[in-house]
Amino acid sequence: MLAKAKDSSQGLQLINYQQIFTEKKPLLDLRAPVEFSQGAFTQSINYPLMNDDERALVGTCYKQQGQDAAIKLGHQLVSGQTKAQRLAKWLAFCQKNPDGVIYCFRGGLRSQTVQQWLKDCGVDYPIVKGGYKALRGFLLTQIDHIAKHPLVLLAGNTGSGKTTLLPQCHNSLDLEGAAHHRGSSFGAFVDPPATQISFENTLTEQYLCRQFTSTQQSIVLEDEGRLIGNVHLPFSLVTAMKNADVVVVEQAFELRLERLFKEYIVDMFTQFCQPQGVAQGSISFNDYLTQGLYRVRKRLGSQRYIELSTAMQQAFSTQALDNMRAHLNWLAPLLAHYYDPMYQYQLAQKQSRIVFRGDPQQCVEYLQHL
């Protein structure tokens, strides 16, 4: 559970993995892009020693000819101008982040190679003992710790703004933020959601940064199902949430509808159009809404699905004229006849665990005193 970190007065000293996350130490990830995309840490940046193709060639060489041949090939692939360009990025990172650390998958050859190249340039920079695998293993041990705390679920009908209330609670963890998904069939963002590994990493990083001193301290979570988009909650957390106290946010239908209209229609249309332009952005936005409605078609029933789909298609034809309000013609009945009844049914199953009801501000004040 140790990693080396630089200290100007004592050279290299030992710190534990927890400090890396609680102090948000900058992390230079040397793994190939494909490894980084499968799971990373929030404070890490990926400047790989080898790209995906180079890593694949070295891996094949290792299997066929052994370690020495693989190392030789690696040095051949990362040499000359390629090495100079990558070294320049690593040096710039070190200069910008003097308190950071570097790592590869296991803290082995890739980390040691880059560390030596940096040292040859006069930069003595620490590596994480055990690399990504060790840091990931440490975070996994923290997941069960979360489930040991008294949990309080923040519940309420869709559009109640539960996620926006969490930052006001000092002892909250943001599940949807970690998943980078809002949970509903329309909950995706323009950029990709978190992978399962990144979700788990980010959730436990949140937990460590809260620096709870005892498992007797309450943790506030948004009321979620087992799945948030494509990621699933850890089993221990799902089990604990089934017995947690529930605080219910109550807000008028009209306010909730306007919030959803802004988040799912106005804001998402803007987010699609900003990088793609209005023409392509409109196509992507329309596809996002069409797929979102299609995913709940079985629960809606064929007749209601056809009605809402028709209203959505009509709204697409008018949004080009900056008339986004036509989307309310399908969003309002979807909220009233699908989301609200579904959530009320789910909430009824938790009736005995409800400890407080109130408007958003009242709920925040209650949770702040836990």
Protein backbone atom coordinates (compact mmCIF):
# COMPACT_ATOMS: atom_id res chain seq x y z
CA MET A 1 0.00 0.00 0.00
CA LEU A 2 2.90 2.34 -0.58
CA ALA A 3 4.00 4.68 -3.33
CA LYS A 4 7.08 6.87 -3.57
CA ALA A 5 6.68 10.63 -3.59
CA LYS A 6 9.27 13.34 -3.88
CA ASP A 7 10.20 15.46 -0.85
CA SER A 8 12.67 18.31 -1.39
CA SER A 9 14.23 17.96 2.07
CA GLN A 10 14.33 14.17 2.43
CA GLY A 11 14.59 12.89 -1.16
CA LEU A 12 12.08 10.08 -1.64
CA GLN A 13 9.66 9.29 1.14
CA LEU A 14 6.82 6.79 1.42
CA ILE A 15 3.17 7.78 1.32
CA ASN A 16 0.10 5.55 1.27
CA TYR A 17 -2.29 5.17 -1.63
CA GLN A 18 -5.04 7.02 0.19
CA GLN A 19 -3.03 10.23 0.13
CA ILE A 20 -2.78 10.03 -3.64
CA PHE A 21 -6.55 10.43 -3.83
CA THR A 22 -7.31 12.63 -0.82
CA GLU A 23 -4.60 15.07 -1.87
CA LYS A 24 -5.57 14.68 -5.55
CA LYS A 25 -1.99 14.17 -6.62
CA PRO A 26 -1.57 14.57 -10.39
CA LEU A 27 -1.15 11.17 -12.03
CA LEU A 28 0.71 10.55 -15.28
CA ASP A 29 -0.69 7.37 -16.83
CA LEU A 30 1.79 5.66 -19.15
CA ARG A 31 -0.55 2.87 -20.27
CA ALA A 32 -1.71 2.58 -23.86
CA PRO A 33 -4.87 4.53 -24.79
CA VAL A 34 -6.98 1.36 -24.97
CA GLU A 35 -6.03 0.53 -21.37
CA PHE A 36 -6.78 4.08 -20.23
CA SER A 37 -10.20 4.06 -21.92
CA GLN A 38 -11.22 0.95 -20.02
CA GLY A 39 -10.68 2.59 -16.65
CA ALA A 40 -8.79 5.52 -15.19
CA PHE A 41 -8.65 7.92 -12.24
CA THR A 42 -10.15 11.41 -12.25
CA GLN A 43 -6.83 13.19 -11.65
CA SER A 44 -4.90 11.19 -14.26
CA ILE A 45 -3.78 12.20 -17.73
CA ASN A 46 -2.74 9.70 -20.39
CA TYR A 47 0.64 10.31 -22.07
CA PRO A 48 1.44 6.72 -23.07
CA LEU A 49 4.88 5.22 -23.54
CA MET A 50 3.46 3.19 -26.44
CA ASN A 51 0.33 3.65 -28.52
CA ASP A 52 -2.12 0.79 -29.02
CA ASP A 53 -0.45 -0.59 -32.16
CA GLU A 54 3.02 -0.46 -30.64
CA ARG A 55 1.82 -2.17 -27.47
CA ALA A 56 0.18 -4.93 -29.51
CA LEU A 57 3.41 -5.55 -31.46
CA VAL A 58 5.49 -5.70 -28.28
CA GLY A 59 2.96 -8.03 -26.67
CA THR A 60 3.07 -10.42 -29.62
CA CYS A 61 6.87 -10.33 -29.61
CA TYR A 62 6.90 -11.12 -25.88
CA LYS A 63 4.71 -14.19 -26.38
CA GLN A 64 6.70 -15.47 -29.35
CA GLN A 65 10.29 -14.51 -28.51
CA GLY A 66 10.43 -13.61 -24.83
CA GLN A 67 11.04 -10.56 -22.67
CA ASP A 68 14.46 -9.51 -23.96
CA ALA A 69 13.26 -9.41 -27.56
CA ALA A 70 10.12 -7.51 -26.54
CA ILE A 71 12.15 -4.89 -24.66
CA LYS A 72 14.46 -4.47 -27.64
CA LEU A 73 11.49 -4.01 -29.98
CA GLY A 74 9.92 -1.49 -27.60
CA HIS A 75 13.06 0.64 -27.65
CA GLN A 76 13.15 0.46 -31.44
CA LEU A 77 9.53 1.56 -31.75
CA VAL A 78 9.92 4.42 -29.26
CA SER A 79 13.10 6.06 -30.44
CA GLY A 80 14.28 9.07 -32.36
CA GLN A 81 11.65 11.73 -33.02
CA THR A 82 8.88 9.59 -31.51
CA LYS A 83 10.76 9.33 -28.22
CA ALA A 84 11.63 13.04 -28.27
CA GLN A 85 8.00 14.07 -28.75
CA ARG A 86 6.73 11.83 -25.95
CA LEU A 87 9.55 12.80 -23.62
CA ALA A 88 8.70 16.47 -24.17
CA LYS A 89 5.14 15.79 -22.95
CA TRP A 90 6.35 13.93 -19.87
CA LEU A 91 8.81 16.68 -19.00
CA ALA A 92 6.12 19.34 -19.39
CA PHE A 93 3.84 17.34 -17.09
CA CYS A 94 6.56 17.02 -14.46
CA GLN A 95 7.34 20.72 -14.62
CA LYS A 96 3.66 21.62 -14.27
CA ASN A 97 3.01 19.02 -11.55
CA PRO A 98 6.09 18.76 -9.29
CA ASP A 99 4.08 16.83 -6.69
CA GLY A 100 2.72 14.21 -9.11
CA VAL A 101 3.55 10.55 -9.70
CA ILE A 102 3.75 8.29 -12.75
CA TYR A 103 2.50 4.76 -13.23
CA CYS A 104 1.91 2.03 -15.79
CA PHE A 105 -0.19 -1.10 -15.28
CA ARG A 106 1.94 -2.85 -12.64
CA GLY A 107 4.62 -0.26 -11.94
CA GLY A 108 7.11 -2.29 -13.95
CA LEU A 109 9.15 -1.77 -17.09
CA ARG A 110 7.14 1.06 -18.62
CA SER A 111 7.26 3.18 -15.46
CA GLN A 112 10.92 2.38 -14.82
CA THR A 113 11.88 3.17 -18.41
CA VAL A 114 10.19 6.57 -18.42
CA GLN A 115 11.50 7.32 -14.94
CA GLN A 116 15.05 6.66 -16.17
CA TRP A 117 14.59 8.77 -19.29
CA LEU A 118 13.33 11.62 -17.12
CA LYS A 119 16.29 11.19 -14.78
CA ASP A 120 18.63 11.39 -17.78
CA CYS A 121 17.08 14.83 -18.39
CA GLY A 122 17.71 15.89 -14.80
CA VAL A 123 14.20 15.19 -13.49
CA ASP A 124 13.88 12.81 -10.52
CA TYR A 125 10.20 11.81 -10.59
CA PRO A 126 8.48 9.13 -8.48
CA ILE A 127 6.54 6.09 -9.67
CA VAL A 128 3.62 4.32 -8.01
CA LYS A 129 4.66 1.02 -6.53
CA GLY A 130 2.40 -1.63 -8.04
CA GLY A 131 1.08 0.80 -10.66
CA TYR A 132 -2.53 1.07 -11.77
CA LYS A 133 -3.33 -2.45 -10.61
CA ALA A 134 -2.33 -1.65 -7.03
CA LEU A 135 -4.24 1.66 -6.97
CA ARG A 136 -7.31 -0.02 -8.44
CA GLY A 137 -7.10 -2.81 -5.88
CA PHE A 138 -6.92 -0.28 -3.07
CA LEU A 139 -10.03 1.53 -4.34
CA LEU A 140 -11.98 -1.72 -4.58
CA THR A 141 -11.41 -2.33 -0.87
CA GLN A 142 -13.13 1.00 -0.14
CA ILE A 143 -16.44 0.09 -1.82
CA ASP A 144 -17.52 -2.20 0.99
CA HIS A 145 -16.60 0.55 3.48
CA ILE A 146 -19.24 2.81 1.90
CA ALA A 147 -21.92 0.18 2.49
CA LYS A 148 -21.03 -0.01 6.19
CA HIS A 149 -22.13 3.59 6.79
CA PRO A 150 -25.73 4.49 7.69
CA LEU A 151 -27.16 5.41 4.29
CA VAL A 152 -29.90 7.96 3.57
CA LEU A 153 -31.55 7.97 0.15
CA LEU A 154 -32.74 11.20 -1.44
CA ALA A 155 -35.90 10.27 -3.35
CA GLY A 156 -38.56 12.13 -5.30
CA ASN A 157 -40.40 12.16 -8.60
CA THR A 158 -38.42 12.54 -11.82
CA GLY A 159 -37.41 16.17 -12.32
CA SER A 160 -37.31 17.03 -8.61
CA GLY A 161 -33.70 18.16 -8.92
CA LYS A 162 -32.31 15.59 -6.53
CA THR A 163 -28.88 15.57 -8.15
CA THR A 164 -28.56 19.35 -7.78
CA LEU A 165 -29.21 19.07 -4.03
CA LEU A 166 -26.40 16.60 -3.33
CA PRO A 167 -23.54 19.15 -3.44
CA GLN A 168 -25.29 21.05 -0.65
CA CYS A 169 -24.90 18.02 1.64
CA HIS A 170 -21.38 17.69 3.04
CA ASN A 171 -21.71 13.91 3.42
CA SER A 172 -23.12 13.00 -0.01
CA LEU A 173 -21.80 10.85 -2.85
CA ASP A 174 -22.96 11.45 -6.42
CA LEU A 175 -23.73 8.09 -8.06
CA GLU A 176 -24.96 9.62 -11.31
CA GLY A 177 -21.93 11.87 -11.46
CA ALA A 178 -19.64 8.87 -11.11
CA ALA A 179 -21.60 7.03 -13.81
CA HIS A 180 -21.76 10.14 -16.02
CA HIS A 181 -25.37 9.22 -16.70
CA ARG A 182 -28.65 10.56 -15.30
CA GLY A 183 -30.23 7.15 -14.86
CA SER A 184 -33.32 7.45 -17.05
CA SER A 185 -33.80 6.25 -20.63
CA PHE A 186 -32.90 9.82 -21.68
CA GLY A 187 -30.07 10.05 -19.17
CA ALA A 188 -27.04 9.84 -21.46
CA PHE A 189 -24.88 12.87 -22.21
CA VAL A 190 -23.28 13.82 -25.52
CA ASP A 191 -19.91 12.38 -24.47
CA PRO A 192 -19.68 8.69 -23.48
CA PRO A 193 -20.76 7.42 -20.05
CA ALA A 194 -18.26 5.99 -17.60
CA THR A 195 -17.08 2.43 -17.94
CA GLN A 196 -17.82 0.10 -15.03
CA ILE A 197 -14.23 0.38 -13.84
CA SER A 198 -14.14 4.18 -14.08
CA PHE A 199 -17.49 4.38 -12.27
CA GLU A 200 -16.15 2.32 -9.37
CA ASN A 201 -12.90 4.30 -9.30
CA THR A 202 -14.67 7.67 -9.29
CA LEU A 203 -17.20 6.63 -6.64
CA THR A 204 -14.50 5.47 -4.24
CA GLU A 205 -12.39 8.55 -4.99
CA GLN A 206 -15.39 10.68 -3.93
CA TYR A 207 -15.64 8.64 -0.74
CA LEU A 208 -11.95 8.99 0.12
CA CYS A 209 -11.97 12.74 -0.54
CA ARG A 210 -14.83 13.18 1.95
CA GLN A 211 -12.39 11.84 4.56
CA PHE A 212 -14.98 10.18 6.79
CA THR A 213 -13.47 9.47 10.18
CA SER A 214 -15.96 6.79 11.18
CA THR A 215 -18.38 4.35 9.57
CA GLN A 216 -20.96 5.72 12.02
CA GLN A 217 -21.26 8.86 9.86
CA SER A 218 -24.25 8.96 7.51
CA ILE A 219 -23.84 9.09 3.74
CA VAL A 220 -26.48 10.65 1.48
CA LEU A 221 -27.10 9.01 -1.89
CA GLU A 222 -29.67 9.64 -4.57
CA ASP A 223 -32.29 6.90 -4.70
CA GLU A 224 -31.19 4.72 -7.62
CA GLY A 225 -31.91 1.29 -9.02
CA ARG A 226 -29.28 -1.37 -9.49
CA LEU A 227 -28.32 0.07 -12.90
CA ILE A 228 -27.37 3.61 -13.86
CA GLY A 229 -27.15 3.54 -17.62
CA ASN A 230 -24.88 0.60 -18.39
CA VAL A 231 -23.02 0.49 -15.07
CA HIS A 232 -24.22 -1.44 -12.06
CA LEU A 233 -23.95 -0.53 -8.41
CA PRO A 234 -21.72 -2.74 -6.27
CA PHE A 235 -23.65 -5.60 -4.67
CA SER A 236 -22.79 -4.55 -1.12
CA LEU A 237 -24.09 -1.03 -1.79
CA VAL A 238 -27.32 -2.27 -3.41
CA THR A 239 -27.96 -4.47 -0.37
CA ALA A 240 -27.35 -1.62 2.07
CA MET A 241 -29.58 0.77 0.10
CA LYS A 242 -32.51 -1.64 0.45
CA ASN A 243 -32.52 -0.93 4.19
CA ALA A 244 -31.65 2.78 4.10
CA ASP A 245 -33.77 5.66 5.41
CA VAL A 246 -35.51 7.69 2.70
CA VAL A 247 -35.95 11.47 2.40
CA VAL A 248 -38.49 12.52 -0.23
CA VAL A 249 -38.23 15.78 -2.20
CA GLU A 250 -41.67 17.13 -3.10
CA GLN A 251 -42.05 19.60 -5.95
CA ALA A 252 -44.92 20.69 -8.19
CA PHE A 253 -45.41 18.97 -11.54
CA GLU A 254 -44.99 22.22 -13.51
CA LEU A 255 -41.59 22.95 -11.94
CA ARG A 256 -40.38 19.43 -12.57
CA LEU A 257 -41.57 19.56 -16.17
CA GLU A 258 -39.72 22.81 -16.83
CA ARG A 259 -36.54 21.40 -15.30
CA LEU A 260 -36.71 18.32 -17.53
CA PHE A 261 -37.50 20.46 -20.57
CA LYS A 262 -34.39 22.53 -19.93
CA GLU A 263 -32.09 19.58 -19.16
CA TYR A 264 -33.26 17.05 -21.74
CA ILE A 265 -34.40 19.34 -24.55
CA VAL A 266 -32.84 22.80 -24.49
CA ASP A 267 -29.47 21.93 -22.93
CA MET A 268 -29.00 18.67 -24.83
CA PHE A 269 -29.87 20.30 -28.17
CA THR A 270 -27.20 22.92 -27.46
CA GLN A 271 -24.65 20.31 -26.44
CA PHE A 272 -25.17 18.32 -29.62
CA CYS A 273 -25.00 21.39 -31.86
CA GLN A 274 -21.93 23.04 -30.33
CA PRO A 275 -19.36 20.51 -31.60
CA GLN A 276 -21.29 19.25 -34.64
CA GLY A 277 -23.03 22.31 -36.03
CA VAL A 278 -26.80 22.80 -36.17
CA ALA A 279 -27.49 20.47 -39.10
CA GLN A 280 -25.61 17.40 -37.82
CA GLY A 281 -26.31 18.30 -34.19
CA SER A 282 -30.06 18.28 -34.87
CA ILE A 283 -29.81 14.80 -36.39
CA SER A 284 -27.88 13.48 -33.38
CA PHE A 285 -30.28 15.18 -30.96
CA ASN A 286 -33.33 13.72 -32.73
CA ASP A 287 -31.74 10.28 -32.63
CA TYR A 288 -31.01 10.65 -28.90
CA LEU A 289 -34.66 11.44 -28.11
CA THR A 290 -36.04 8.82 -30.51
CA GLN A 291 -33.93 6.08 -28.97
CA GLY A 292 -34.78 7.23 -25.45
CA LEU A 293 -38.50 6.88 -26.12
CA TYR A 294 -38.01 3.59 -27.95
CA ARG A 295 -36.31 2.06 -24.92
CA VAL A 296 -39.50 2.43 -22.83
CA ARG A 297 -41.97 1.47 -25.57
CA LYS A 298 -42.93 -1.86 -23.97
CA ARG A 299 -43.81 -0.23 -20.66
CA LEU A 300 -45.75 2.52 -22.40
CA GLY A 301 -47.84 0.13 -24.46
CA SER A 302 -48.17 0.32 -28.24
CA GLN A 303 -50.95 2.92 -28.37
CA ARG A 304 -49.32 5.44 -26.02
CA TYR A 305 -45.93 4.89 -27.60
CA ILE A 306 -47.34 5.72 -31.04
CA GLU A 307 -49.02 8.85 -29.68
CA LEU A 308 -45.87 10.13 -27.98
CA SER A 309 -43.66 9.20 -30.91
CA THR A 310 -45.94 11.10 -33.28
CA ALA A 311 -45.85 14.17 -31.03
CA MET A 312 -42.06 13.92 -30.85
CA GLN A 313 -41.74 13.77 -34.65
CA GLN A 314 -43.96 16.84 -34.95
CA ALA A 315 -41.73 18.65 -32.46
CA PHE A 316 -38.68 17.81 -34.57
CA SER A 317 -40.26 19.61 -37.52
CA THR A 318 -40.74 22.85 -35.56
CA GLN A 319 -37.50 22.95 -33.54
CA ALA A 320 -35.65 24.18 -36.63
CA LEU A 321 -37.73 27.33 -36.25
CA ASP A 322 -36.44 27.71 -32.66
CA ASN A 323 -39.75 26.45 -31.32
CA MET A 324 -38.51 23.88 -28.80
CA ARG A 325 -41.69 24.19 -26.70
CA ALA A 326 -43.47 21.73 -28.98
CA HIS A 327 -41.48 18.99 -27.23
CA LEU A 328 -43.66 19.56 -24.18
CA ASN A 329 -46.48 17.86 -26.11
CA TRP A 330 -44.81 14.49 -25.56
CA LEU A 331 -42.65 15.24 -22.53
CA ALA A 332 -45.57 16.31 -20.29
CA PRO A 333 -47.68 13.16 -20.84
CA LEU A 334 -44.57 10.97 -20.57
CA LEU A 335 -43.85 12.48 -17.15
CA ALA A 336 -47.48 12.37 -15.99
CA HIS A 337 -48.46 8.92 -17.24
CA TYR A 338 -45.20 7.00 -17.18
CA TYR A 339 -42.47 8.38 -14.93
CA ASP A 340 -44.65 9.65 -12.07
CA PRO A 341 -46.77 6.48 -11.67
CA MET A 342 -43.66 4.30 -11.91
CA TYR A 343 -41.80 6.30 -9.27
CA GLN A 344 -44.78 6.45 -6.94
CA TYR A 345 -45.10 2.67 -7.18
CA GLN A 346 -41.42 2.25 -6.32
CA LEU A 347 -41.69 4.74 -3.47
CA ALA A 348 -44.67 2.90 -2.01
CA GLN A 349 -42.42 -0.12 -1.52
CA LYS A 350 -40.22 2.05 0.72
CA GLN A 351 -43.04 3.69 2.68
CA SER A 352 -41.92 2.29 6.04
CA ARG A 353 -38.43 3.74 5.56
CA ILE A 354 -39.46 7.34 4.77
CA VAL A 355 -38.18 9.58 7.57
CA PHE A 356 -38.83 13.02 6.07
CA ARG A 357 -40.75 14.78 3.29
CA GLY A 358 -40.43 18.38 2.19
CA ASP A 359 -39.57 20.87 -0.50
CA PRO A 360 -35.96 20.98 -1.78
CA GLN A 361 -34.73 23.50 0.80
CA GLN A 362 -36.39 21.69 3.69
CA CYS A 363 -34.83 18.40 2.59
CA VAL A 364 -31.39 19.96 2.34
CA GLU A 365 -31.71 21.44 5.83
CA TYR A 366 -32.76 18.05 7.19
CA LEU A 367 -29.86 16.25 5.51
CA GLN A 368 -27.31 18.85 6.60
CA HIS A 369 -28.04 18.00 10.25
CA LEU A 370 -27.44 14.28 9.92
